[in-house]
């Protein structure tokens, strides 16, 4: 069997988050995890929030008004606000009721949280397929993930971004033994 984990990388703004949101919609209640959304006011980006796929709960990860020692550009980061999605990742691994874990994203802001890094590693090493977005820039943790034998690294470009959600379903998840992607989305036993 090939890689069971699929890491989407590419330039900022190319559409990685849009792809995982589309993938989550295609998988429905068979997917768990989270995605990152922009917080906008007056047509300007003010920060980023984490949105749980399972509950829809939101938590602000970074904002221009946040103060503190963790910063990425103009944004103050509160890595402790990842606790809910860390719990969701860990629960998803042990519950065995989901077919795919979506993580958006493994990036500089999220990597400030050591428990997040640990949860990501546990997820990658678990039997559960993971589809995650990951920063393109070099980072020791991310570089190690990208080099793993159980990871397929996919570069998202403007040319391929529209077809990737369906391609991940068709080509990659089918390789993992999934069939009947409609209502039941079952795994070969």
N, C-alpha and C. Protein backbone atom coordinates (compact mmCIF):
# COMPACT_ATOMS: atom_id res chain seq x y z
N UNK A 1 0.84 -1.18 0.00
CA UNK A 1 0.00 0.00 0.00
C UNK A 1 0.89 1.24 0.00
N UNK A 2 0.41 2.30 -0.66
CA UNK A 2 1.16 3.53 -0.71
C UNK A 2 0.96 4.35 0.55
N UNK A 3 1.25 5.62 0.43
CA UNK A 3 1.12 6.53 1.57
C UNK A 3 -0.34 6.69 1.97
N UNK A 4 -0.59 6.75 3.27
CA UNK A 4 -1.95 6.95 3.77
C UNK A 4 -2.19 8.38 4.23
N UNK A 5 -1.15 9.17 4.26
CA UNK A 5 -1.24 10.57 4.68
C UNK A 5 -0.90 11.46 3.50
N UNK A 6 -1.70 12.51 3.32
CA UNK A 6 -1.54 13.38 2.18
C UNK A 6 -1.37 14.81 2.67
N UNK A 7 -0.20 15.38 2.40
CA UNK A 7 0.11 16.73 2.83
C UNK A 7 0.06 17.66 1.63
N UNK A 8 -0.78 18.69 1.73
CA UNK A 8 -0.93 19.67 0.67
C UNK A 8 -0.07 20.87 1.00
N UNK A 9 0.80 21.22 0.08
CA UNK A 9 1.67 22.37 0.28
C UNK A 9 1.53 23.30 -0.91
N UNK A 10 2.02 24.50 -0.78
CA UNK A 10 1.94 25.47 -1.86
C UNK A 10 2.02 26.87 -1.31
N UNK A 11 2.06 27.82 -2.21
CA UNK A 11 2.18 29.22 -1.84
C UNK A 11 0.97 29.68 -1.03
N UNK A 12 1.16 30.65 -0.13
CA UNK A 12 0.01 31.20 0.59
C UNK A 12 -1.03 31.74 -0.40
N UNK A 13 -2.30 31.45 -0.12
CA UNK A 13 -3.37 31.96 -0.96
C UNK A 13 -3.67 31.16 -2.21
N UNK A 14 -2.97 30.04 -2.41
CA UNK A 14 -3.18 29.25 -3.63
C UNK A 14 -4.46 28.43 -3.59
N UNK A 15 -4.99 28.17 -2.39
CA UNK A 15 -6.25 27.45 -2.29
C UNK A 15 -6.21 26.17 -1.49
N UNK A 16 -5.21 25.99 -0.65
CA UNK A 16 -5.10 24.76 0.15
C UNK A 16 -6.29 24.59 1.10
N UNK A 17 -6.65 25.64 1.79
CA UNK A 17 -7.79 25.56 2.71
C UNK A 17 -9.08 25.30 1.96
N UNK A 18 -9.27 25.94 0.83
CA UNK A 18 -10.47 25.70 0.01
C UNK A 18 -10.56 24.23 -0.37
N UNK A 19 -9.44 23.62 -0.70
CA UNK A 19 -9.43 22.20 -1.06
C UNK A 19 -9.88 21.34 0.11
N UNK A 20 -9.34 21.57 1.31
CA UNK A 20 -9.72 20.71 2.43
C UNK A 20 -11.18 20.94 2.85
N UNK A 21 -11.68 22.15 2.69
CA UNK A 21 -13.09 22.40 2.98
C UNK A 21 -13.97 21.63 1.99
N UNK A 22 -13.60 21.65 0.71
CA UNK A 22 -14.35 20.88 -0.30
C UNK A 22 -14.26 19.39 0.00
N UNK A 23 -13.08 18.93 0.37
CA UNK A 23 -12.90 17.52 0.71
C UNK A 23 -13.77 17.14 1.90
N UNK A 24 -13.81 17.99 2.91
CA UNK A 24 -14.64 17.73 4.09
C UNK A 24 -16.11 17.64 3.70
N UNK A 25 -16.55 18.50 2.79
CA UNK A 25 -17.95 18.44 2.33
C UNK A 25 -18.22 17.13 1.59
N UNK A 26 -17.27 16.70 0.77
CA UNK A 26 -17.43 15.44 0.03
C UNK A 26 -17.52 14.25 0.98
N UNK A 27 -16.74 14.29 2.04
CA UNK A 27 -16.70 13.17 2.99
C UNK A 27 -17.83 13.23 4.02
N UNK A 28 -18.38 14.40 4.23
CA UNK A 28 -19.49 14.55 5.18
C UNK A 28 -19.09 14.14 6.58
N UNK A 29 -19.94 13.35 7.24
CA UNK A 29 -19.68 12.98 8.63
C UNK A 29 -18.62 11.89 8.78
N UNK A 30 -17.98 11.51 7.68
CA UNK A 30 -16.88 10.54 7.74
C UNK A 30 -15.54 11.23 7.98
N UNK A 31 -15.54 12.57 7.99
CA UNK A 31 -14.31 13.33 8.22
C UNK A 31 -14.41 14.09 9.53
N UNK A 32 -13.28 14.23 10.19
CA UNK A 32 -13.18 15.05 11.40
C UNK A 32 -11.93 15.90 11.27
N UNK A 33 -11.78 16.82 12.18
CA UNK A 33 -10.60 17.68 12.16
C UNK A 33 -11.00 19.14 12.20
N UNK A 34 -10.22 19.97 11.52
CA UNK A 34 -10.48 21.40 11.56
C UNK A 34 -9.89 22.08 10.34
N UNK A 35 -10.38 23.29 10.08
CA UNK A 35 -9.79 24.15 9.07
C UNK A 35 -9.59 25.54 9.67
N UNK A 36 -8.78 26.33 9.00
CA UNK A 36 -8.46 27.67 9.45
C UNK A 36 -9.19 28.67 8.54
N UNK A 37 -9.84 29.65 9.14
CA UNK A 37 -10.56 30.67 8.39
C UNK A 37 -10.03 32.05 8.76
N UNK A 38 -10.08 32.94 7.79
CA UNK A 38 -9.68 34.32 8.05
C UNK A 38 -10.77 35.04 8.84
N UNK A 39 -10.35 35.94 9.69
CA UNK A 39 -11.26 36.87 10.36
C UNK A 39 -11.08 38.20 9.63
N UNK A 40 -12.17 38.70 9.06
CA UNK A 40 -12.09 39.92 8.27
C UNK A 40 -13.03 40.98 8.84
N UNK A 41 -12.59 42.22 8.74
CA UNK A 41 -13.42 43.37 9.11
C UNK A 41 -13.06 44.51 8.16
N UNK A 42 -14.06 45.15 7.61
CA UNK A 42 -13.84 46.26 6.67
C UNK A 42 -12.91 45.85 5.53
N UNK A 43 -13.15 44.66 5.00
CA UNK A 43 -12.36 44.12 3.87
C UNK A 43 -10.87 43.97 4.17
N UNK A 44 -10.53 43.84 5.44
CA UNK A 44 -9.12 43.64 5.82
C UNK A 44 -9.03 42.43 6.72
N UNK A 45 -7.96 41.66 6.51
CA UNK A 45 -7.75 40.49 7.37
C UNK A 45 -7.27 40.97 8.73
N UNK A 46 -7.98 40.50 9.77
CA UNK A 46 -7.66 40.89 11.15
C UNK A 46 -7.06 39.76 11.94
N UNK A 47 -7.27 38.51 11.47
CA UNK A 47 -6.75 37.37 12.20
C UNK A 47 -7.19 36.06 11.58
N UNK A 48 -7.04 34.99 12.37
CA UNK A 48 -7.37 33.64 11.91
C UNK A 48 -8.09 32.90 13.03
N UNK A 49 -9.10 32.12 12.65
CA UNK A 49 -9.79 31.29 13.61
C UNK A 49 -9.76 29.84 13.15
N UNK A 50 -9.82 28.95 14.13
CA UNK A 50 -9.85 27.52 13.90
C UNK A 50 -11.32 27.09 13.98
N UNK A 51 -11.77 26.30 12.99
CA UNK A 51 -13.16 25.85 12.95
C UNK A 51 -13.18 24.33 12.98
N UNK A 52 -13.85 23.77 13.98
CA UNK A 52 -13.97 22.32 14.12
C UNK A 52 -14.95 21.77 13.09
N UNK A 53 -14.57 20.71 12.39
CA UNK A 53 -15.49 20.07 11.45
C UNK A 53 -16.60 19.34 12.19
N UNK A 54 -16.30 18.77 13.33
CA UNK A 54 -17.29 17.97 14.06
C UNK A 54 -18.36 18.84 14.72
N UNK A 55 -17.94 19.90 15.37
CA UNK A 55 -18.89 20.70 16.16
C UNK A 55 -19.21 22.06 15.56
N UNK A 56 -18.35 22.54 14.66
CA UNK A 56 -18.52 23.89 14.14
C UNK A 56 -18.00 24.96 15.09
N UNK A 57 -17.50 24.54 16.26
CA UNK A 57 -16.97 25.51 17.22
C UNK A 57 -15.78 26.25 16.63
N UNK A 58 -15.66 27.51 17.02
CA UNK A 58 -14.58 28.36 16.52
C UNK A 58 -13.74 28.86 17.69
N UNK A 59 -12.45 29.04 17.41
CA UNK A 59 -11.53 29.57 18.40
C UNK A 59 -10.52 30.46 17.68
N UNK A 60 -10.33 31.66 18.18
CA UNK A 60 -9.40 32.59 17.53
C UNK A 60 -7.97 32.17 17.86
N UNK A 61 -7.20 31.88 16.81
CA UNK A 61 -5.81 31.48 16.97
C UNK A 61 -4.87 32.68 16.94
N UNK A 62 -5.14 33.61 16.04
CA UNK A 62 -4.24 34.76 15.88
C UNK A 62 -5.06 35.99 15.51
N UNK A 63 -4.60 37.13 16.00
CA UNK A 63 -5.32 38.38 15.73
C UNK A 63 -4.34 39.54 15.85
N UNK A 64 -4.61 40.59 15.10
CA UNK A 64 -3.71 41.75 15.17
C UNK A 64 -3.78 42.43 16.54
N UNK A 65 -4.87 42.24 17.26
CA UNK A 65 -5.01 42.85 18.58
C UNK A 65 -4.42 42.02 19.71
N UNK A 66 -4.02 40.77 19.43
CA UNK A 66 -3.44 39.92 20.47
C UNK A 66 -2.04 40.40 20.81
N UNK A 67 -1.76 40.47 22.10
CA UNK A 67 -0.42 40.79 22.58
C UNK A 67 0.21 39.51 23.10
N UNK A 68 1.49 39.52 23.29
CA UNK A 68 2.15 38.36 23.87
C UNK A 68 3.43 38.00 23.14
N UNK A 69 4.04 36.92 23.59
CA UNK A 69 5.37 36.57 23.07
C UNK A 69 5.32 35.86 21.72
N UNK A 70 4.18 35.26 21.37
CA UNK A 70 4.09 34.53 20.11
C UNK A 70 3.52 35.44 19.02
N UNK A 71 4.30 35.61 17.96
CA UNK A 71 3.89 36.48 16.87
C UNK A 71 4.29 35.86 15.54
N UNK A 72 3.44 36.07 14.56
CA UNK A 72 3.75 35.75 13.17
C UNK A 72 3.35 36.99 12.37
N UNK A 73 4.36 37.71 11.91
CA UNK A 73 4.09 38.97 11.23
C UNK A 73 3.40 39.93 12.17
N UNK A 74 2.29 40.51 11.72
CA UNK A 74 1.56 41.48 12.54
C UNK A 74 0.58 40.83 13.51
N UNK A 75 0.50 39.50 13.48
CA UNK A 75 -0.50 38.79 14.28
C UNK A 75 0.09 38.26 15.58
N UNK A 76 -0.61 38.53 16.67
CA UNK A 76 -0.30 37.86 17.92
C UNK A 76 -0.98 36.50 17.90
N UNK A 77 -0.30 35.49 18.41
CA UNK A 77 -0.80 34.11 18.35
C UNK A 77 -1.05 33.60 19.77
N UNK A 78 -2.19 32.94 19.95
CA UNK A 78 -2.51 32.28 21.22
C UNK A 78 -2.54 30.77 20.97
N UNK A 79 -1.37 30.11 21.05
CA UNK A 79 -1.32 28.68 20.76
C UNK A 79 -2.19 27.84 21.68
N UNK A 80 -2.47 28.34 22.88
CA UNK A 80 -3.32 27.59 23.81
C UNK A 80 -4.76 27.46 23.28
N UNK A 81 -5.14 28.30 22.33
CA UNK A 81 -6.49 28.23 21.76
C UNK A 81 -6.67 27.04 20.82
N UNK A 82 -5.62 26.25 20.64
CA UNK A 82 -5.72 25.02 19.85
C UNK A 82 -6.18 23.83 20.68
N UNK A 83 -6.41 24.02 21.96
CA UNK A 83 -6.71 22.87 22.83
C UNK A 83 -7.92 22.07 22.36
N UNK A 84 -8.94 22.74 21.86
CA UNK A 84 -10.12 22.03 21.38
C UNK A 84 -9.84 21.13 20.19
N UNK A 85 -9.06 21.63 19.22
CA UNK A 85 -8.76 20.80 18.05
C UNK A 85 -7.74 19.72 18.39
N UNK A 86 -6.88 19.98 19.36
CA UNK A 86 -5.96 18.93 19.81
C UNK A 86 -6.77 17.77 20.39
N UNK A 87 -7.75 18.10 21.21
CA UNK A 87 -8.64 17.06 21.76
C UNK A 87 -9.37 16.34 20.64
N UNK A 88 -9.84 17.09 19.64
CA UNK A 88 -10.56 16.48 18.52
C UNK A 88 -9.66 15.52 17.74
N UNK A 89 -8.41 15.93 17.49
CA UNK A 89 -7.47 15.05 16.79
C UNK A 89 -7.26 13.77 17.59
N UNK A 90 -6.97 13.93 18.88
CA UNK A 90 -6.70 12.75 19.72
C UNK A 90 -7.92 11.84 19.82
N UNK A 91 -9.11 12.41 19.96
CA UNK A 91 -10.33 11.60 20.03
C UNK A 91 -10.60 10.89 18.71
N UNK A 92 -10.34 11.58 17.62
CA UNK A 92 -10.56 10.99 16.30
C UNK A 92 -9.70 9.75 16.10
N UNK A 93 -8.48 9.79 16.60
CA UNK A 93 -7.56 8.67 16.45
C UNK A 93 -8.08 7.44 17.19
N UNK A 94 -8.61 7.63 18.39
CA UNK A 94 -9.02 6.48 19.21
C UNK A 94 -10.46 6.04 18.98
N UNK A 95 -11.33 6.92 18.50
CA UNK A 95 -12.74 6.57 18.36
C UNK A 95 -13.02 5.60 17.23
N UNK A 96 -12.23 5.63 16.19
CA UNK A 96 -12.37 4.71 15.06
C UNK A 96 -13.74 4.82 14.38
N UNK A 97 -14.31 6.02 14.35
CA UNK A 97 -15.59 6.18 13.66
C UNK A 97 -15.48 7.08 12.43
N UNK A 98 -14.30 7.65 12.21
CA UNK A 98 -14.09 8.51 11.06
C UNK A 98 -13.21 7.80 10.04
N UNK A 99 -13.33 8.21 8.79
CA UNK A 99 -12.53 7.62 7.71
C UNK A 99 -11.36 8.51 7.31
N UNK A 100 -11.37 9.76 7.77
CA UNK A 100 -10.32 10.70 7.38
C UNK A 100 -10.23 11.81 8.42
N UNK A 101 -9.01 12.20 8.74
CA UNK A 101 -8.75 13.33 9.63
C UNK A 101 -8.19 14.46 8.79
N UNK A 102 -8.81 15.63 8.88
CA UNK A 102 -8.38 16.80 8.13
C UNK A 102 -7.75 17.79 9.10
N UNK A 103 -6.54 18.23 8.76
CA UNK A 103 -5.81 19.19 9.59
C UNK A 103 -5.40 20.37 8.71
N UNK A 104 -5.95 21.54 8.99
CA UNK A 104 -5.62 22.75 8.23
C UNK A 104 -5.31 23.87 9.22
N UNK A 105 -4.17 24.05 9.60
CA UNK A 105 -2.99 23.69 8.87
C UNK A 105 -1.86 23.35 9.83
N UNK A 106 -0.81 22.78 9.30
CA UNK A 106 0.42 22.58 10.06
C UNK A 106 1.32 23.73 9.64
N UNK A 107 1.21 24.83 10.35
CA UNK A 107 1.92 26.05 9.98
C UNK A 107 2.59 26.68 11.19
N UNK A 108 3.23 27.79 10.94
CA UNK A 108 4.04 28.44 11.96
C UNK A 108 3.24 28.79 13.22
N UNK A 109 2.02 29.28 13.04
CA UNK A 109 1.20 29.66 14.20
C UNK A 109 0.87 28.44 15.05
N UNK A 110 0.46 27.35 14.40
CA UNK A 110 0.07 26.14 15.11
C UNK A 110 1.26 25.46 15.78
N UNK A 111 2.42 25.56 15.15
CA UNK A 111 3.60 24.86 15.65
C UNK A 111 4.16 25.45 16.94
N UNK A 112 3.67 26.60 17.35
CA UNK A 112 4.06 27.14 18.67
C UNK A 112 3.55 26.24 19.80
N UNK A 113 2.56 25.41 19.52
CA UNK A 113 1.95 24.55 20.54
C UNK A 113 2.55 23.15 20.47
N UNK A 114 3.31 22.77 21.49
CA UNK A 114 3.97 21.45 21.52
C UNK A 114 2.96 20.31 21.53
N UNK A 115 1.83 20.49 22.20
CA UNK A 115 0.79 19.44 22.21
C UNK A 115 0.19 19.25 20.83
N UNK A 116 0.10 20.33 20.06
CA UNK A 116 -0.39 20.22 18.68
C UNK A 116 0.59 19.39 17.85
N UNK A 117 1.88 19.68 17.98
CA UNK A 117 2.88 18.91 17.23
C UNK A 117 2.79 17.43 17.59
N UNK A 118 2.63 17.14 18.87
CA UNK A 118 2.52 15.75 19.33
C UNK A 118 1.27 15.08 18.76
N UNK A 119 0.14 15.79 18.76
CA UNK A 119 -1.11 15.24 18.22
C UNK A 119 -1.00 14.97 16.72
N UNK A 120 -0.36 15.88 16.00
CA UNK A 120 -0.16 15.68 14.56
C UNK A 120 0.67 14.44 14.31
N UNK A 121 1.75 14.28 15.05
CA UNK A 121 2.61 13.11 14.88
C UNK A 121 1.85 11.82 15.20
N UNK A 122 1.07 11.81 16.27
CA UNK A 122 0.26 10.64 16.61
C UNK A 122 -0.74 10.33 15.49
N UNK A 123 -1.34 11.37 14.92
CA UNK A 123 -2.30 11.16 13.83
C UNK A 123 -1.61 10.58 12.60
N UNK A 124 -0.46 11.12 12.25
CA UNK A 124 0.28 10.63 11.07
C UNK A 124 0.67 9.17 11.27
N UNK A 125 1.03 8.81 12.50
CA UNK A 125 1.46 7.44 12.79
C UNK A 125 0.29 6.48 13.03
N UNK A 126 -0.91 6.99 13.17
CA UNK A 126 -2.09 6.15 13.42
C UNK A 126 -2.54 5.49 12.11
N UNK A 127 -3.43 4.50 12.19
CA UNK A 127 -3.97 3.89 10.97
C UNK A 127 -4.91 4.81 10.18
N UNK A 128 -5.40 5.87 10.81
CA UNK A 128 -6.36 6.78 10.18
C UNK A 128 -5.70 7.62 9.09
N UNK A 129 -6.27 7.66 7.88
CA UNK A 129 -5.73 8.54 6.84
C UNK A 129 -5.85 10.00 7.25
N UNK A 130 -4.81 10.77 6.98
CA UNK A 130 -4.78 12.19 7.30
C UNK A 130 -4.58 12.98 6.01
N UNK A 131 -5.39 14.01 5.84
CA UNK A 131 -5.18 14.99 4.79
C UNK A 131 -4.94 16.31 5.51
N UNK A 132 -3.77 16.89 5.29
CA UNK A 132 -3.40 18.11 6.01
C UNK A 132 -2.76 19.11 5.06
N UNK A 133 -2.93 20.37 5.37
CA UNK A 133 -2.16 21.40 4.69
C UNK A 133 -0.92 21.65 5.54
N UNK A 134 0.18 21.95 4.86
CA UNK A 134 1.44 22.14 5.56
C UNK A 134 2.21 23.27 4.90
N UNK A 135 2.87 24.06 5.72
CA UNK A 135 3.59 25.21 5.19
C UNK A 135 4.70 24.77 4.23
N UNK A 136 4.92 25.58 3.20
CA UNK A 136 5.94 25.26 2.20
C UNK A 136 7.34 25.62 2.69
N UNK A 137 7.43 26.65 3.50
CA UNK A 137 8.75 27.10 3.98
C UNK A 137 9.41 26.04 4.85
N UNK A 138 10.73 26.03 4.87
CA UNK A 138 11.44 25.05 5.70
C UNK A 138 11.15 25.24 7.19
N UNK A 139 10.96 24.12 7.86
CA UNK A 139 10.78 24.08 9.31
C UNK A 139 11.13 22.65 9.72
N UNK A 140 11.94 22.45 10.75
CA UNK A 140 12.39 21.09 11.09
C UNK A 140 11.25 20.09 11.26
N UNK A 141 10.18 20.46 11.96
CA UNK A 141 9.07 19.54 12.18
C UNK A 141 8.37 19.21 10.86
N UNK A 142 8.08 20.24 10.09
CA UNK A 142 7.39 20.05 8.81
C UNK A 142 8.25 19.29 7.82
N UNK A 143 9.53 19.61 7.77
CA UNK A 143 10.43 18.91 6.85
C UNK A 143 10.49 17.43 7.16
N UNK A 144 10.50 17.08 8.44
CA UNK A 144 10.52 15.66 8.83
C UNK A 144 9.23 14.96 8.41
N UNK A 145 8.08 15.63 8.55
CA UNK A 145 6.82 15.04 8.12
C UNK A 145 6.81 14.81 6.61
N UNK A 146 7.29 15.79 5.87
CA UNK A 146 7.28 15.71 4.41
C UNK A 146 8.13 14.55 3.89
N UNK A 147 9.13 14.14 4.63
CA UNK A 147 10.05 13.09 4.19
C UNK A 147 9.62 11.69 4.59
N UNK A 148 8.55 11.55 5.35
CA UNK A 148 8.11 10.24 5.83
C UNK A 148 7.66 9.36 4.67
N UNK A 149 7.90 8.06 4.81
CA UNK A 149 7.50 7.09 3.78
C UNK A 149 5.99 6.96 3.68
N UNK A 150 5.27 7.24 4.77
CA UNK A 150 3.81 7.10 4.77
C UNK A 150 3.09 8.40 4.42
N UNK A 151 3.82 9.34 3.80
CA UNK A 151 3.27 10.63 3.42
C UNK A 151 3.44 10.84 1.91
N UNK A 152 2.37 11.32 1.30
CA UNK A 152 2.45 11.77 -0.09
C UNK A 152 2.32 13.29 -0.05
N UNK A 153 3.32 13.98 -0.56
CA UNK A 153 3.34 15.44 -0.60
C UNK A 153 2.77 15.89 -1.93
N UNK A 154 1.77 16.76 -1.87
CA UNK A 154 1.09 17.25 -3.07
C UNK A 154 1.23 18.76 -3.12
N UNK A 155 1.81 19.26 -4.19
CA UNK A 155 1.92 20.71 -4.34
C UNK A 155 0.66 21.24 -4.99
N UNK A 156 0.02 22.18 -4.32
CA UNK A 156 -1.19 22.81 -4.85
C UNK A 156 -0.77 24.02 -5.68
N UNK A 157 -1.29 24.07 -6.89
CA UNK A 157 -1.03 25.20 -7.78
C UNK A 157 -2.36 25.74 -8.29
N UNK A 158 -2.32 26.88 -8.94
CA UNK A 158 -3.54 27.42 -9.53
C UNK A 158 -4.07 26.49 -10.62
N UNK A 159 -3.18 25.73 -11.25
CA UNK A 159 -3.59 24.83 -12.33
C UNK A 159 -4.28 23.57 -11.82
N UNK A 160 -3.94 23.07 -10.62
CA UNK A 160 -4.51 21.80 -10.17
C UNK A 160 -5.49 21.92 -9.00
N UNK A 161 -5.64 23.09 -8.43
CA UNK A 161 -6.41 23.22 -7.19
C UNK A 161 -7.89 22.87 -7.33
N UNK A 162 -8.49 23.10 -8.48
CA UNK A 162 -9.92 22.84 -8.63
C UNK A 162 -10.24 21.36 -8.69
N UNK A 163 -9.31 20.57 -9.19
CA UNK A 163 -9.56 19.12 -9.34
C UNK A 163 -9.09 18.31 -8.15
N UNK A 164 -8.30 18.88 -7.25
CA UNK A 164 -7.69 18.09 -6.17
C UNK A 164 -8.67 17.46 -5.18
N UNK A 165 -9.74 18.11 -4.74
CA UNK A 165 -10.62 17.41 -3.78
C UNK A 165 -11.14 16.08 -4.33
N UNK A 166 -11.64 16.09 -5.56
CA UNK A 166 -12.15 14.87 -6.17
C UNK A 166 -11.01 13.89 -6.45
N UNK A 167 -9.85 14.41 -6.84
CA UNK A 167 -8.70 13.54 -7.12
C UNK A 167 -8.24 12.84 -5.85
N UNK A 168 -8.22 13.55 -4.73
CA UNK A 168 -7.83 12.92 -3.47
C UNK A 168 -8.81 11.80 -3.14
N UNK A 169 -10.09 12.06 -3.30
CA UNK A 169 -11.09 11.01 -3.06
C UNK A 169 -10.86 9.84 -4.00
N UNK A 170 -10.83 10.11 -5.28
CA UNK A 170 -10.79 9.05 -6.29
C UNK A 170 -9.49 8.26 -6.26
N UNK A 171 -8.39 8.95 -6.35
CA UNK A 171 -7.10 8.27 -6.51
C UNK A 171 -6.48 7.83 -5.19
N UNK A 172 -6.54 8.66 -4.18
CA UNK A 172 -5.80 8.38 -2.97
C UNK A 172 -6.60 7.55 -1.97
N UNK A 173 -7.80 7.96 -1.65
CA UNK A 173 -8.57 7.20 -0.67
C UNK A 173 -8.97 5.84 -1.21
N UNK A 174 -9.18 5.72 -2.51
CA UNK A 174 -9.46 4.41 -3.08
C UNK A 174 -8.26 3.48 -2.93
N UNK A 175 -7.06 4.03 -3.02
CA UNK A 175 -5.84 3.23 -2.78
C UNK A 175 -5.83 2.65 -1.37
N UNK A 176 -6.47 3.34 -0.46
CA UNK A 176 -6.50 2.88 0.93
C UNK A 176 -7.57 1.82 1.17
N UNK A 177 -8.30 1.45 0.13
CA UNK A 177 -9.28 0.39 0.26
C UNK A 177 -10.70 0.87 0.49
N UNK A 178 -10.96 2.15 0.28
CA UNK A 178 -12.32 2.66 0.44
C UNK A 178 -13.07 2.53 -0.87
N UNK A 179 -14.35 2.25 -0.78
CA UNK A 179 -15.22 2.19 -1.95
C UNK A 179 -16.58 2.74 -1.57
N UNK A 180 -17.45 2.86 -2.54
CA UNK A 180 -18.80 3.36 -2.31
C UNK A 180 -18.75 4.71 -1.59
N UNK A 181 -18.25 5.70 -2.30
CA UNK A 181 -18.05 7.01 -1.69
C UNK A 181 -19.34 7.81 -1.53
N UNK A 182 -20.45 7.20 -1.86
CA UNK A 182 -21.72 7.88 -1.69
C UNK A 182 -22.17 7.84 -0.25
N UNK A 183 -23.34 7.29 -0.03
CA UNK A 183 -23.97 7.34 1.29
C UNK A 183 -23.20 6.59 2.37
N UNK A 184 -22.64 5.44 2.05
CA UNK A 184 -22.07 4.63 3.13
C UNK A 184 -20.57 4.79 3.32
N UNK A 185 -19.82 5.04 2.27
CA UNK A 185 -18.38 5.26 2.35
C UNK A 185 -17.73 4.27 3.30
N UNK A 186 -17.69 3.00 2.88
CA UNK A 186 -17.19 1.92 3.73
C UNK A 186 -15.77 1.55 3.36
N UNK A 187 -15.12 0.88 4.26
CA UNK A 187 -13.77 0.37 4.04
C UNK A 187 -13.84 -1.13 3.81
N UNK A 188 -12.99 -1.63 2.90
CA UNK A 188 -12.88 -3.08 2.74
C UNK A 188 -12.37 -3.66 4.04
N UNK A 189 -12.94 -4.71 4.49
CA UNK A 189 -12.50 -5.34 5.74
C UNK A 189 -11.60 -6.51 5.41
